[in-house]
C-alpha cells in the first residue's frame, strides 16, 4: 500500500457561512474553496495554514448530523498564546489547559457543537 496522508475530512454543520467564519476568522484557517457550482452541494473547504489535511464543511449528508463529530484534534506550536487568542475571540474553553502524560490540551466546540481538541504534544 502507498497511503501517504489524510487529504480531506467532512465535518457536518448546519450553516456553512457561520462555520466558515468560525474556522477562518476565529481559528485562523485558510479558506481553500467556497464553490456553489454543484446543485444542492456548496463546497466550503478550509485548512490550517500550511496544513496538509483540509476540512469540508458539509450540510448535505443525511447520515451526518451537525455537531456529531467529536475529537477533531488540532496541533498547536503555542498553546498558551492560541488559547488566549481564542478566548479573546469569544470561544468558551471550560476547564482551562489540561496536562496529560503526552502533552497539554484544551477542548471546545465549534458553533454546531462539533468537539475540538487543541493540543501541544510533548517533545514535538
PDB file of N, CA and C in Angstrom:
ATOM      1  N   UNK A   1       0.841  -1.182   0.000  1.00  0.00           N
ATOM      2  CA  UNK A   1       0.000   0.000   0.000  1.00  0.00           C
ATOM      3  C   UNK A   1       0.884   1.242   0.000  1.00  0.00           C
ATOM      4  N   UNK A   2       0.392   2.294  -0.617  1.00  0.00           N
ATOM      5  CA  UNK A   2       1.157   3.541  -0.663  1.00  0.00           C
ATOM      6  C   UNK A   2       0.339   4.726  -0.177  1.00  0.00           C
ATOM      7  N   UNK A   3      -0.300   4.556   0.965  1.00  0.00           N
ATOM      8  CA  UNK A   3      -1.073   5.641   1.573  1.00  0.00           C
ATOM      9  C   UNK A   3      -0.108   6.675   2.137  1.00  0.00           C
ATOM     10  N   UNK A   4      -0.422   7.943   1.956  1.00  0.00           N
ATOM     11  CA  UNK A   4       0.518   8.979   2.392  1.00  0.00           C
ATOM     12  C   UNK A   4      -0.021   9.922   3.459  1.00  0.00           C
ATOM     13  N   UNK A   5      -1.294  10.274   3.387  1.00  0.00           N
ATOM     14  CA  UNK A   5      -1.841  11.210   4.368  1.00  0.00           C
ATOM     15  C   UNK A   5      -3.357  11.304   4.202  1.00  0.00           C
ATOM     16  N   UNK A   6      -3.981  11.915   5.173  1.00  0.00           N
ATOM     17  CA  UNK A   6      -5.422  12.186   5.065  1.00  0.00           C
ATOM     18  C   UNK A   6      -5.570  13.496   4.310  1.00  0.00           C
ATOM     19  N   UNK A   7      -6.281  13.450   3.212  1.00  0.00           N
ATOM     20  CA  UNK A   7      -6.461  14.614   2.346  1.00  0.00           C
ATOM     21  C   UNK A   7      -7.583  15.527   2.837  1.00  0.00           C
ATOM     22  N   UNK A   8      -8.717  14.911   3.221  1.00  0.00           N
ATOM     23  CA  UNK A   8      -9.920  15.690   3.479  1.00  0.00           C
ATOM     24  C   UNK A   8     -10.781  14.994   4.520  1.00  0.00           C
ATOM     25  N   UNK A   9     -11.400  15.785   5.363  1.00  0.00           N
ATOM     26  CA  UNK A   9     -12.344  15.305   6.362  1.00  0.00           C
ATOM     27  C   UNK A   9     -13.621  16.106   6.205  1.00  0.00           C
ATOM     28  N   UNK A  10     -14.762  15.432   6.127  1.00  0.00           N
ATOM     29  CA  UNK A  10     -16.047  16.127   6.043  1.00  0.00           C
ATOM     30  C   UNK A  10     -16.575  16.346   7.452  1.00  0.00           C
ATOM     31  N   UNK A  11     -16.929  17.586   7.760  1.00  0.00           N
ATOM     32  CA  UNK A  11     -17.425  17.964   9.077  1.00  0.00           C
ATOM     33  C   UNK A  11     -18.851  18.475   8.937  1.00  0.00           C
ATOM     34  N   UNK A  12     -19.824  17.843   9.628  1.00  0.00           N
ATOM     35  CA  UNK A  12     -21.226  18.244   9.473  1.00  0.00           C
ATOM     36  C   UNK A  12     -21.556  19.531  10.236  1.00  0.00           C
ATOM     37  N   UNK A  13     -22.169  20.470   9.522  1.00  0.00           N
ATOM     38  CA  UNK A  13     -22.571  21.758  10.104  1.00  0.00           C
ATOM     39  C   UNK A  13     -23.984  22.100   9.643  1.00  0.00           C
ATOM     40  N   UNK A  14     -24.622  23.039  10.321  1.00  0.00           N
ATOM     41  CA  UNK A  14     -25.961  23.463   9.907  1.00  0.00           C
ATOM     42  C   UNK A  14     -25.919  24.690   9.006  1.00  0.00           C
ATOM     43  N   UNK A  15     -24.945  25.556   9.219  1.00  0.00           N
ATOM     44  CA  UNK A  15     -24.857  26.819   8.492  1.00  0.00           C
ATOM     45  C   UNK A  15     -23.426  26.973   7.990  1.00  0.00           C
ATOM     46  N   UNK A  16     -23.231  26.819   6.691  1.00  0.00           N
ATOM     47  CA  UNK A  16     -21.878  26.853   6.136  1.00  0.00           C
ATOM     48  C   UNK A  16     -21.216  28.220   6.284  1.00  0.00           C
ATOM     49  N   UNK A  17     -21.982  29.299   6.198  1.00  0.00           N
ATOM     50  CA  UNK A  17     -21.397  30.626   6.376  1.00  0.00           C
ATOM     51  C   UNK A  17     -20.883  30.804   7.800  1.00  0.00           C
ATOM     52  N   UNK A  18     -21.690  30.449   8.770  1.00  0.00           N
ATOM     53  CA  UNK A  18     -21.291  30.571  10.178  1.00  0.00           C
ATOM     54  C   UNK A  18     -20.081  29.688  10.468  1.00  0.00           C
ATOM     55  N   UNK A  19     -20.100  28.457   9.963  1.00  0.00           N
ATOM     56  CA  UNK A  19     -18.985  27.538  10.186  1.00  0.00           C
ATOM     57  C   UNK A  19     -17.713  28.059   9.511  1.00  0.00           C
ATOM     58  N   UNK A  20     -17.848  28.530   8.268  1.00  0.00           N
ATOM     59  CA  UNK A  20     -16.693  29.094   7.554  1.00  0.00           C
ATOM     60  C   UNK A  20     -16.104  30.256   8.345  1.00  0.00           C
ATOM     61  N   UNK A  21     -16.947  31.141   8.825  1.00  0.00           N
ATOM     62  CA  UNK A  21     -16.466  32.284   9.599  1.00  0.00           C
ATOM     63  C   UNK A  21     -15.740  31.835  10.870  1.00  0.00           C
ATOM     64  N   UNK A  22     -16.264  30.809  11.538  1.00  0.00           N
ATOM     65  CA  UNK A  22     -15.614  30.307  12.750  1.00  0.00           C
ATOM     66  C   UNK A  22     -14.237  29.735  12.427  1.00  0.00           C
ATOM     67  N   UNK A  23     -14.177  28.860  11.435  1.00  0.00           N
ATOM     68  CA  UNK A  23     -12.905  28.207  11.125  1.00  0.00           C
ATOM     69  C   UNK A  23     -11.884  29.169  10.518  1.00  0.00           C
ATOM     70  N   UNK A  24     -12.338  30.144   9.749  1.00  0.00           N
ATOM     71  CA  UNK A  24     -11.417  31.096   9.127  1.00  0.00           C
ATOM     72  C   UNK A  24     -11.112  32.265  10.072  1.00  0.00           C
ATOM     73  N   UNK A  25     -12.139  32.940  10.558  1.00  0.00           N
ATOM     74  CA  UNK A  25     -11.929  34.151  11.349  1.00  0.00           C
ATOM     75  C   UNK A  25     -11.538  33.871  12.797  1.00  0.00           C
ATOM     76  N   UNK A  26     -12.108  32.837  13.393  1.00  0.00           N
ATOM     77  CA  UNK A  26     -11.818  32.544  14.792  1.00  0.00           C
ATOM     78  C   UNK A  26     -10.595  31.652  14.949  1.00  0.00           C
ATOM     79  N   UNK A  27     -10.547  30.541  14.185  1.00  0.00           N
ATOM     80  CA  UNK A  27      -9.407  29.624  14.313  1.00  0.00           C
ATOM     81  C   UNK A  27      -8.227  30.005  13.424  1.00  0.00           C
ATOM     82  N   UNK A  28      -8.447  30.884  12.455  1.00  0.00           N
ATOM     83  CA  UNK A  28      -7.350  31.325  11.607  1.00  0.00           C
ATOM     84  C   UNK A  28      -7.007  30.389  10.464  1.00  0.00           C
ATOM     85  N   UNK A  29      -7.922  29.481  10.120  1.00  0.00           N
ATOM     86  CA  UNK A  29      -7.694  28.583   8.994  1.00  0.00           C
ATOM     87  C   UNK A  29      -7.730  29.373   7.688  1.00  0.00           C
ATOM     88  N   UNK A  30      -7.128  28.790   6.655  1.00  0.00           N
ATOM     89  CA  UNK A  30      -7.212  29.357   5.312  1.00  0.00           C
ATOM     90  C   UNK A  30      -8.480  28.850   4.638  1.00  0.00           C
ATOM     91  N   UNK A  31      -9.129  29.714   3.875  1.00  0.00           N
ATOM     92  CA  UNK A  31     -10.249  29.291   3.041  1.00  0.00           C
ATOM     93  C   UNK A  31      -9.661  28.757   1.741  1.00  0.00           C
ATOM     94  N   UNK A  32      -9.823  27.463   1.507  1.00  0.00           N
ATOM     95  CA  UNK A  32      -9.273  26.816   0.322  1.00  0.00           C
ATOM     96  C   UNK A  32     -10.223  26.961  -0.856  1.00  0.00           C
ATOM     97  N   UNK A  33     -11.523  26.792  -0.567  1.00  0.00           N
ATOM     98  CA  UNK A  33     -12.507  26.829  -1.648  1.00  0.00           C
ATOM     99  C   UNK A  33     -13.888  27.129  -1.070  1.00  0.00           C
ATOM    100  N   UNK A  34     -14.656  27.906  -1.783  1.00  0.00           N
ATOM    101  CA  UNK A  34     -16.060  28.154  -1.458  1.00  0.00           C
ATOM    102  C   UNK A  34     -16.782  28.205  -2.800  1.00  0.00           C
ATOM    103  N   UNK A  35     -17.362  27.068  -3.164  1.00  0.00           N
ATOM    104  CA  UNK A  35     -17.886  26.887  -4.519  1.00  0.00           C
ATOM    105  C   UNK A  35     -19.302  26.320  -4.452  1.00  0.00           C
ATOM    106  N   UNK A  36     -20.227  26.999  -5.105  1.00  0.00           N
ATOM    107  CA  UNK A  36     -21.621  26.549  -5.124  1.00  0.00           C
ATOM    108  C   UNK A  36     -22.054  26.092  -6.510  1.00  0.00           C
ATOM    109  N   UNK A  37     -21.127  25.598  -7.308  1.00  0.00           N
ATOM    110  CA  UNK A  37     -21.486  25.209  -8.675  1.00  0.00           C
ATOM    111  C   UNK A  37     -22.200  23.872  -8.754  1.00  0.00           C
ATOM    112  N   UNK A  38     -22.078  23.030  -7.726  1.00  0.00           N
ATOM    113  CA  UNK A  38     -22.792  21.753  -7.723  1.00  0.00           C
ATOM    114  C   UNK A  38     -24.174  21.971  -7.129  1.00  0.00           C
ATOM    115  N   UNK A  39     -25.242  21.631  -7.832  1.00  0.00           N
ATOM    116  CA  UNK A  39     -26.597  21.859  -7.317  1.00  0.00           C
ATOM    117  C   UNK A  39     -26.822  21.190  -5.958  1.00  0.00           C
ATOM    118  N   UNK A  40     -27.222  21.988  -4.972  1.00  0.00           N
ATOM    119  CA  UNK A  40     -27.542  21.473  -3.652  1.00  0.00           C
ATOM    120  C   UNK A  40     -26.346  21.111  -2.798  1.00  0.00           C
ATOM    121  N   UNK A  41     -25.141  21.350  -3.294  1.00  0.00           N
ATOM    122  CA  UNK A  41     -23.952  20.986  -2.536  1.00  0.00           C
ATOM    123  C   UNK A  41     -22.891  22.075  -2.644  1.00  0.00           C
ATOM    124  N   UNK A  42     -22.957  23.035  -1.773  1.00  0.00           N
ATOM    125  CA  UNK A  42     -21.929  24.070  -1.713  1.00  0.00           C
ATOM    126  C   UNK A  42     -20.676  23.468  -1.090  1.00  0.00           C
ATOM    127  N   UNK A  43     -19.549  23.668  -1.721  1.00  0.00           N
ATOM    128  CA  UNK A  43     -18.284  23.099  -1.266  1.00  0.00           C
ATOM    129  C   UNK A  43     -17.484  24.184  -0.549  1.00  0.00           C
ATOM    130  N   UNK A  44     -17.446  24.097   0.792  1.00  0.00           N
ATOM    131  CA  UNK A  44     -16.678  25.034   1.602  1.00  0.00           C
ATOM    132  C   UNK A  44     -15.547  24.237   2.242  1.00  0.00           C
ATOM    133  N   UNK A  45     -14.326  24.574   1.869  1.00  0.00           N
ATOM    134  CA  UNK A  45     -13.155  23.815   2.297  1.00  0.00           C
ATOM    135  C   UNK A  45     -12.163  24.741   2.991  1.00  0.00           C
ATOM    136  N   UNK A  46     -11.712  24.336   4.193  1.00  0.00           N
ATOM    137  CA  UNK A  46     -10.775  25.118   4.992  1.00  0.00           C
ATOM    138  C   UNK A  46      -9.636  24.214   5.447  1.00  0.00           C
ATOM    139  N   UNK A  47      -8.516  24.830   5.856  1.00  0.00           N
ATOM    140  CA  UNK A  47      -7.424  24.048   6.449  1.00  0.00           C
ATOM    141  C   UNK A  47      -6.507  24.983   7.223  1.00  0.00           C
ATOM    142  N   UNK A  48      -5.827  24.421   8.217  1.00  0.00           N
ATOM    143  CA  UNK A  48      -4.841  25.235   8.931  1.00  0.00           C
ATOM    144  C   UNK A  48      -3.780  25.731   7.959  1.00  0.00           C
ATOM    145  N   UNK A  49      -3.310  26.925   8.161  1.00  0.00           N
ATOM    146  CA  UNK A  49      -2.297  27.496   7.285  1.00  0.00           C
ATOM    147  C   UNK A  49      -1.086  26.565   7.219  1.00  0.00           C
ATOM    148  N   UNK A  50      -0.722  26.172   6.017  1.00  0.00           N
ATOM    149  CA  UNK A  50       0.406  25.265   5.828  1.00  0.00           C
ATOM    150  C   UNK A  50       0.079  23.813   6.074  1.00  0.00           C
ATOM    151  N   UNK A  51      -1.153  23.524   6.450  1.00  0.00           N
ATOM    152  CA  UNK A  51      -1.544  22.150   6.745  1.00  0.00           C
ATOM    153  C   UNK A  51      -1.745  21.325   5.490  1.00  0.00           C
ATOM    154  N   UNK A  52      -1.688  20.023   5.660  1.00  0.00           N
ATOM    155  CA  UNK A  52      -1.863  19.111   4.535  1.00  0.00           C
ATOM    156  C   UNK A  52      -3.306  18.629   4.430  1.00  0.00           C
ATOM    157  N   UNK A  53      -3.985  18.499   5.554  1.00  0.00           N
ATOM    158  CA  UNK A  53      -5.348  17.985   5.576  1.00  0.00           C
ATOM    159  C   UNK A  53      -6.342  19.141   5.598  1.00  0.00           C
ATOM    160  N   UNK A  54      -7.376  19.041   4.760  1.00  0.00           N
ATOM    161  CA  UNK A  54      -8.433  20.043   4.707  1.00  0.00           C
ATOM    162  C   UNK A  54      -9.702  19.496   5.346  1.00  0.00           C
ATOM    163  N   UNK A  55     -10.590  20.411   5.677  1.00  0.00           N
ATOM    164  CA  UNK A  55     -11.914  20.071   6.195  1.00  0.00           C
ATOM    165  C   UNK A  55     -12.932  20.670   5.240  1.00  0.00           C
ATOM    166  N   UNK A  56     -13.906  19.883   4.843  1.00  0.00           N
ATOM    167  CA  UNK A  56     -15.016  20.442   4.085  1.00  0.00           C
ATOM    168  C   UNK A  56     -16.219  20.520   5.022  1.00  0.00           C
ATOM    169  N   UNK A  57     -16.854  21.668   5.051  1.00  0.00           N
ATOM    170  CA  UNK A  57     -17.981  21.946   5.946  1.00  0.00           C
ATOM    171  C   UNK A  57     -19.254  21.586   5.196  1.00  0.00           C
ATOM    172  N   UNK A  58     -19.854  20.461   5.561  1.00  0.00           N
ATOM    173  CA  UNK A  58     -20.939  19.883   4.768  1.00  0.00           C
ATOM    174  C   UNK A  58     -22.291  19.980   5.465  1.00  0.00           C
ATOM    175  N   UNK A  59     -23.329  20.096   4.641  1.00  0.00           N
ATOM    176  CA  UNK A  59     -24.713  20.117   5.134  1.00  0.00           C
ATOM    177  C   UNK A  59     -25.568  19.060   4.448  1.00  0.00           C
ATOM    178  N   UNK A  60     -25.038  18.391   3.459  1.00  0.00           N
ATOM    179  CA  UNK A  60     -25.862  17.564   2.587  1.00  0.00           C
ATOM    180  C   UNK A  60     -25.850  16.067   2.880  1.00  0.00           C
ATOM    181  N   UNK A  61     -25.161  15.603   3.909  1.00  0.00           N
ATOM    182  CA  UNK A  61     -25.168  14.183   4.249  1.00  0.00           C
ATOM    183  C   UNK A  61     -26.232  13.926   5.315  1.00  0.00           C
ATOM    184  N   UNK A  62     -27.297  13.233   4.957  1.00  0.00           N
ATOM    185  CA  UNK A  62     -28.377  12.950   5.919  1.00  0.00           C
ATOM    186  C   UNK A  62     -27.890  12.115   7.100  1.00  0.00           C
ATOM    187  N   UNK A  63     -26.880  11.291   6.893  1.00  0.00           N
ATOM    188  CA  UNK A  63     -26.394  10.413   7.956  1.00  0.00           C
ATOM    189  C   UNK A  63     -25.380  11.097   8.873  1.00  0.00           C
ATOM    190  N   UNK A  64     -25.028  12.344   8.581  1.00  0.00           N
ATOM    191  CA  UNK A  64     -24.069  13.084   9.405  1.00  0.00           C
ATOM    192  C   UNK A  64     -24.771  14.308   9.993  1.00  0.00           C
ATOM    193  N   UNK A  65     -25.214  14.190  11.224  1.00  0.00           N
ATOM    194  CA  UNK A  65     -25.908  15.324  11.821  1.00  0.00           C
ATOM    195  C   UNK A  65     -24.903  16.345  12.359  1.00  0.00           C
ATOM    196  N   UNK A  66     -25.241  17.601  12.185  1.00  0.00           N
ATOM    197  CA  UNK A  66     -24.379  18.689  12.644  1.00  0.00           C
ATOM    198  C   UNK A  66     -24.121  18.551  14.134  1.00  0.00           C
ATOM    199  N   UNK A  67     -22.878  18.732  14.526  1.00  0.00           N
ATOM    200  CA  UNK A  67     -22.498  18.648  15.928  1.00  0.00           C
ATOM    201  C   UNK A  67     -22.153  17.244  16.384  1.00  0.00           C
ATOM    202  N   UNK A  68     -22.225  16.269  15.496  1.00  0.00           N
ATOM    203  CA  UNK A  68     -21.985  14.878  15.898  1.00  0.00           C
ATOM    204  C   UNK A  68     -20.514  14.487  15.888  1.00  0.00           C
ATOM    205  N   UNK A  69     -19.659  15.295  15.303  1.00  0.00           N
ATOM    206  CA  UNK A  69     -18.227  14.964  15.255  1.00  0.00           C
ATOM    207  C   UNK A  69     -17.570  15.353  16.579  1.00  0.00           C
ATOM    208  N   UNK A  70     -16.803  14.456  17.125  1.00  0.00           N
ATOM    209  CA  UNK A  70     -16.066  14.716  18.369  1.00  0.00           C
ATOM    210  C   UNK A  70     -14.619  14.281  18.180  1.00  0.00           C
ATOM    211  N   UNK A  71     -13.705  15.011  18.782  1.00  0.00           N
ATOM    212  CA  UNK A  71     -12.309  14.611  18.748  1.00  0.00           C
ATOM    213  C   UNK A  71     -11.536  15.075  17.533  1.00  0.00           C
ATOM    214  N   UNK A  72     -11.931  16.179  16.924  1.00  0.00           N
ATOM    215  CA  UNK A  72     -11.112  16.770  15.876  1.00  0.00           C
ATOM    216  C   UNK A  72      -9.903  17.382  16.579  1.00  0.00           C
ATOM    217  N   UNK A  73      -8.722  16.832  16.353  1.00  0.00           N
ATOM    218  CA  UNK A  73      -7.522  17.243  17.084  1.00  0.00           C
ATOM    219  C   UNK A  73      -6.672  18.151  16.207  1.00  0.00           C
ATOM    220  N   UNK A  74      -6.359  19.324  16.750  1.00  0.00           N
ATOM    221  CA  UNK A  74      -5.534  20.314  16.054  1.00  0.00           C
ATOM    222  C   UNK A  74      -4.293  20.549  16.901  1.00  0.00           C
ATOM    223  N   UNK A  75      -3.141  20.443  16.286  1.00  0.00           N
ATOM    224  CA  UNK A  75      -1.868  20.651  16.991  1.00  0.00           C
ATOM    225  C   UNK A  75      -1.523  22.133  17.013  1.00  0.00           C
ATOM    226  N   UNK A  76      -0.942  22.592  18.124  1.00  0.00           N
ATOM    227  CA  UNK A  76      -0.546  23.989  18.285  1.00  0.00           C
ATOM    228  C   UNK A  76       0.930  24.064  18.672  1.00  0.00           C
ATOM    229  N   UNK A  77       1.635  25.040  18.095  1.00  0.00           N
ATOM    230  CA  UNK A  77       3.020  25.314  18.487  1.00  0.00           C
ATOM    231  C   UNK A  77       3.089  26.310  19.643  1.00  0.00           C
ATOM    232  N   UNK A  78       1.951  26.940  19.985  1.00  0.00           N
ATOM    233  CA  UNK A  78       1.894  27.920  21.074  1.00  0.00           C
ATOM    234  C   UNK A  78       0.524  27.814  21.738  1.00  0.00           C
ATOM    235  N   UNK A  79       0.333  26.779  22.511  1.00  0.00           N
ATOM    236  CA  UNK A  79      -0.970  26.525  23.115  1.00  0.00           C
ATOM    237  C   UNK A  79      -1.430  27.683  23.992  1.00  0.00           C
ATOM    238  N   UNK A  80      -0.561  28.202  24.824  1.00  0.00           N
ATOM    239  CA  UNK A  80      -0.950  29.306  25.712  1.00  0.00           C
ATOM    240  C   UNK A  80      -1.410  30.523  24.909  1.00  0.00           C
ATOM    241  N   UNK A  81      -0.637  30.906  23.919  1.00  0.00           N
ATOM    242  CA  UNK A  81      -0.997  32.053  23.085  1.00  0.00           C
ATOM    243  C   UNK A  81      -2.261  31.816  22.288  1.00  0.00           C
ATOM    244  N   UNK A  82      -2.405  30.599  21.743  1.00  0.00           N
ATOM    245  CA  UNK A  82      -3.602  30.294  20.965  1.00  0.00           C
ATOM    246  C   UNK A  82      -4.855  30.290  21.838  1.00  0.00           C
ATOM    247  N   UNK A  83      -4.745  29.783  23.053  1.00  0.00           N
ATOM    248  CA  UNK A  83      -5.891  29.791  23.972  1.00  0.00           C
ATOM    249  C   UNK A  83      -6.279  31.226  24.300  1.00  0.00           C
ATOM    250  N   UNK A  84      -5.311  32.086  24.568  1.00  0.00           N
ATOM    251  CA  UNK A  84      -5.610  33.498  24.850  1.00  0.00           C
ATOM    252  C   UNK A  84      -6.324  34.147  23.667  1.00  0.00           C
ATOM    253  N   UNK A  85      -5.848  33.868  22.464  1.00  0.00           N
ATOM    254  CA  UNK A  85      -6.468  34.433  21.269  1.00  0.00           C
ATOM    255  C   UNK A  85      -7.892  33.931  21.095  1.00  0.00           C
ATOM    256  N   UNK A  86      -8.088  32.627  21.269  1.00  0.00           N
ATOM    257  CA  UNK A  86      -9.433  32.054  21.111  1.00  0.00           C
ATOM    258  C   UNK A  86     -10.408  32.625  22.129  1.00  0.00           C
ATOM    259  N   UNK A  87      -9.987  32.736  23.371  1.00  0.00           N
ATOM    260  CA  UNK A  87     -10.857  33.300  24.408  1.00  0.00           C
ATOM    261  C   UNK A  87     -11.197  34.755  24.063  1.00  0.00           C
ATOM    262  N   UNK A  88     -10.208  35.517  23.584  1.00  0.00           N
ATOM    263  CA  UNK A  88     -10.458  36.907  23.192  1.00  0.00           C
ATOM    264  C   UNK A  88     -11.438  36.987  22.025  1.00  0.00           C
ATOM    265  N   UNK A  89     -11.495  35.921  21.213  1.00  0.00           N
ATOM    266  CA  UNK A  89     -12.416  35.880  20.073  1.00  0.00           C
ATOM    267  C   UNK A  89     -13.760  35.254  20.425  1.00  0.00           C
ATOM    268  N   UNK A  90     -13.971  34.997  21.713  1.00  0.00           N
ATOM    269  CA  UNK A  90     -15.274  34.538  22.174  1.00  0.00           C
ATOM    270  C   UNK A  90     -15.449  33.035  22.311  1.00  0.00           C
ATOM    271  N   UNK A  91     -14.387  32.255  22.127  1.00  0.00           N
ATOM    272  CA  UNK A  91     -14.501  30.806  22.276  1.00  0.00           C
ATOM    273  C   UNK A  91     -14.540  30.462  23.763  1.00  0.00           C
ATOM    274  N   UNK A  92     -15.489  29.620  24.137  1.00  0.00           N
ATOM    275  CA  UNK A  92     -15.606  29.199  25.530  1.00  0.00           C
ATOM    276  C   UNK A  92     -14.772  27.939  25.726  1.00  0.00           C
ATOM    277  N   UNK A  93     -13.776  28.050  26.603  1.00  0.00           N
ATOM    278  CA  UNK A  93     -12.895  26.921  26.922  1.00  0.00           C
ATOM    279  C   UNK A  93     -13.060  26.649  28.403  1.00  0.00           C
ATOM    280  N   UNK A  94     -13.838  25.623  28.705  1.00  0.00           N
ATOM    281  CA  UNK A  94     -14.091  25.276  30.106  1.00  0.00           C
ATOM    282  C   UNK A  94     -12.945  24.413  30.635  1.00  0.00           C
ATOM    283  N   UNK A  95     -12.537  24.693  31.857  1.00  0.00           N
ATOM    284  CA  UNK A  95     -11.515  23.868  32.488  1.00  0.00           C
ATOM    285  C   UNK A  95     -10.087  24.297  32.201  1.00  0.00           C
ATOM    286  N   UNK A  96      -9.897  25.251  31.307  1.00  0.00           N
ATOM    287  CA  UNK A  96      -8.548  25.725  31.017  1.00  0.00           C
ATOM    288  C   UNK A  96      -7.669  24.660  30.395  1.00  0.00           C
ATOM    289  N   UNK A  97      -6.376  24.915  30.428  1.00  0.00           N
ATOM    290  CA  UNK A  97      -5.405  23.991  29.833  1.00  0.00           C
ATOM    291  C   UNK A  97      -5.217  22.795  30.751  1.00  0.00           C
ATOM    292  N   UNK A  98      -5.341  21.617  30.167  1.00  0.00           N
ATOM    293  CA  UNK A  98      -5.188  20.353  30.898  1.00  0.00           C
ATOM    294  C   UNK A  98      -3.814  19.761  30.604  1.00  0.00           C
ATOM    295  N   UNK A  99      -3.270  19.053  31.571  1.00  0.00           N
ATOM    296  CA  UNK A  99      -1.978  18.389  31.425  1.00  0.00           C
ATOM    297  C   UNK A  99      -2.205  16.888  31.320  1.00  0.00           C
ATOM    298  N   UNK A 100      -1.500  16.244  30.401  1.00  0.00           N
ATOM    299  CA  UNK A 100      -1.548  14.791  30.240  1.00  0.00           C
ATOM    300  C   UNK A 100      -0.115  14.298  30.050  1.00  0.00           C
ATOM    301  N   UNK A 101       0.130  13.009  30.215  1.00  0.00           N
ATOM    302  CA  UNK A 101       1.495  12.496  30.034  1.00  0.00           C
ATOM    303  C   UNK A 101       2.072  12.784  28.650  1.00  0.00           C
ATOM    304  N   UNK A 102       1.222  12.904  27.663  1.00  0.00           N
ATOM    305  CA  UNK A 102       1.669  13.107  26.280  1.00  0.00           C
ATOM    306  C   UNK A 102       1.751  14.579  25.870  1.00  0.00           C
ATOM    307  N   UNK A 103       1.237  15.490  26.729  1.00  0.00           N
ATOM    308  CA  UNK A 103       1.275  16.913  26.391  1.00  0.00           C
ATOM    309  C   UNK A 103       0.190  17.696  27.104  1.00  0.00           C
ATOM    310  N   UNK A 104      -0.158  18.858  26.558  1.00  0.00           N
ATOM    311  CA  UNK A 104      -1.168  19.743  27.131  1.00  0.00           C
ATOM    312  C   UNK A 104      -2.259  19.973  26.101  1.00  0.00           C
ATOM    313  N   UNK A 105      -3.494  20.267  26.593  1.00  0.00           N
ATOM    314  CA  UNK A 105      -4.607  20.418  25.664  1.00  0.00           C
ATOM    315  C   UNK A 105      -5.756  21.196  26.286  1.00  0.00           C
ATOM    316  N   UNK A 106      -6.639  21.700  25.405  1.00  0.00           N
ATOM    317  CA  UNK A 106      -7.927  22.259  25.793  1.00  0.00           C
ATOM    318  C   UNK A 106      -8.970  21.670  24.859  1.00  0.00           C
ATOM    319  N   UNK A 107     -10.210  21.717  25.301  1.00  0.00           N
ATOM    320  CA  UNK A 107     -11.305  21.271  24.450  1.00  0.00           C
ATOM    321  C   UNK A 107     -12.343  22.385  24.352  1.00  0.00           C
ATOM    322  N   UNK A 108     -12.990  22.450  23.199  1.00  0.00           N
ATOM    323  CA  UNK A 108     -14.067  23.409  22.976  1.00  0.00           C
ATOM    324  C   UNK A 108     -14.882  22.913  21.789  1.00  0.00           C
ATOM    325  N   UNK A 109     -15.994  23.584  21.541  1.00  0.00           N
ATOM    326  CA  UNK A 109     -16.885  23.206  20.447  1.00  0.00           C
ATOM    327  C   UNK A 109     -16.930  24.294  19.392  1.00  0.00           C
ATOM    328  N   UNK A 110     -17.196  23.881  18.150  1.00  0.00           N
ATOM    329  CA  UNK A 110     -17.488  24.860  17.106  1.00  0.00           C
ATOM    330  C   UNK A 110     -18.943  25.296  17.286  1.00  0.00           C
ATOM    331  N   UNK A 111     -19.451  26.222  16.491  1.00  0.00           N
ATOM    332  CA  UNK A 111     -20.821  26.713  16.686  1.00  0.00           C
ATOM    333  C   UNK A 111     -21.913  25.649  16.602  1.00  0.00           C
ATOM    334  N   UNK A 112     -21.636  24.516  15.962  1.00  0.00           N
ATOM    335  CA  UNK A 112     -22.627  23.442  15.872  1.00  0.00           C
ATOM    336  C   UNK A 112     -22.480  22.400  16.958  1.00  0.00           C
ATOM    337  N   UNK A 113     -21.436  22.488  17.769  1.00  0.00           N
ATOM    338  CA  UNK A 113     -21.213  21.507  18.819  1.00  0.00           C
ATOM    339  C   UNK A 113     -20.243  20.398  18.445  1.00  0.00           C
ATOM    340  N   UNK A 114     -19.605  20.505  17.288  1.00  0.00           N
ATOM    341  CA  UNK A 114     -18.548  19.555  16.956  1.00  0.00           C
ATOM    342  C   UNK A 114     -17.392  19.793  17.913  1.00  0.00           C
ATOM    343  N   UNK A 115     -16.898  18.716  18.540  1.00  0.00           N
ATOM    344  CA  UNK A 115     -15.862  18.826  19.564  1.00  0.00           C
ATOM    345  C   UNK A 115     -14.468  18.930  18.996  1.00  0.00           C
ATOM    346  N   UNK A 116     -13.718  19.904  19.495  1.00  0.00           N
ATOM    347  CA  UNK A 116     -12.343  20.165  19.029  1.00  0.00           C
ATOM    348  C   UNK A 116     -11.394  20.034  20.203  1.00  0.00           C
ATOM    349  N   UNK A 117     -10.247  19.411  19.959  1.00  0.00           N
ATOM    350  CA  UNK A 117      -9.155  19.343  20.923  1.00  0.00           C
ATOM    351  C   UNK A 117      -8.003  20.131  20.322  1.00  0.00           C
ATOM    352  N   UNK A 118      -7.548  21.141  21.044  1.00  0.00           N
ATOM    353  CA  UNK A 118      -6.366  21.899  20.638  1.00  0.00           C
ATOM    354  C   UNK A 118      -5.255  21.433  21.565  1.00  0.00           C
ATOM    355  N   UNK A 119      -4.181  20.895  20.993  1.00  0.00           N
ATOM    356  CA  UNK A 119      -3.163  20.294  21.827  1.00  0.00           C
ATOM    357  C   UNK A 119      -1.758  20.725  21.437  1.00  0.00           C
ATOM    358  N   UNK A 120      -0.861  20.555  22.397  1.00  0.00           N
ATOM    359  CA  UNK A 120       0.564  20.732  22.192  1.00  0.00           C
ATOM    360  C   UNK A 120       1.219  19.452  22.680  1.00  0.00           C
ATOM    361  N   UNK A 121       1.723  18.660  21.772  1.00  0.00           N
ATOM    362  CA  UNK A 121       2.297  17.360  22.117  1.00  0.00           C
ATOM    363  C   UNK A 121       3.693  17.548  22.717  1.00  0.00           C
ATOM    364  N   UNK A 122       3.936  16.886  23.836  1.00  0.00           N
ATOM    365  CA  UNK A 122       5.232  16.965  24.498  1.00  0.00           C
ATOM    366  C   UNK A 122       6.327  16.389  23.610  1.00  0.00           C
ATOM    367  N   UNK A 123       7.475  17.062  23.599  1.00  0.00           N
ATOM    368  CA  UNK A 123       8.617  16.561  22.865  1.00  0.00           C
ATOM    369  C   UNK A 123       8.524  16.689  21.363  1.00  0.00           C
ATOM    370  N   UNK A 124       7.556  17.420  20.890  1.00  0.00           N
ATOM    371  CA  UNK A 124       7.396  17.601  19.445  1.00  0.00           C
ATOM    372  C   UNK A 124       8.382  18.564  18.876  1.00  0.00           C
TER     373      UNK A 124
END
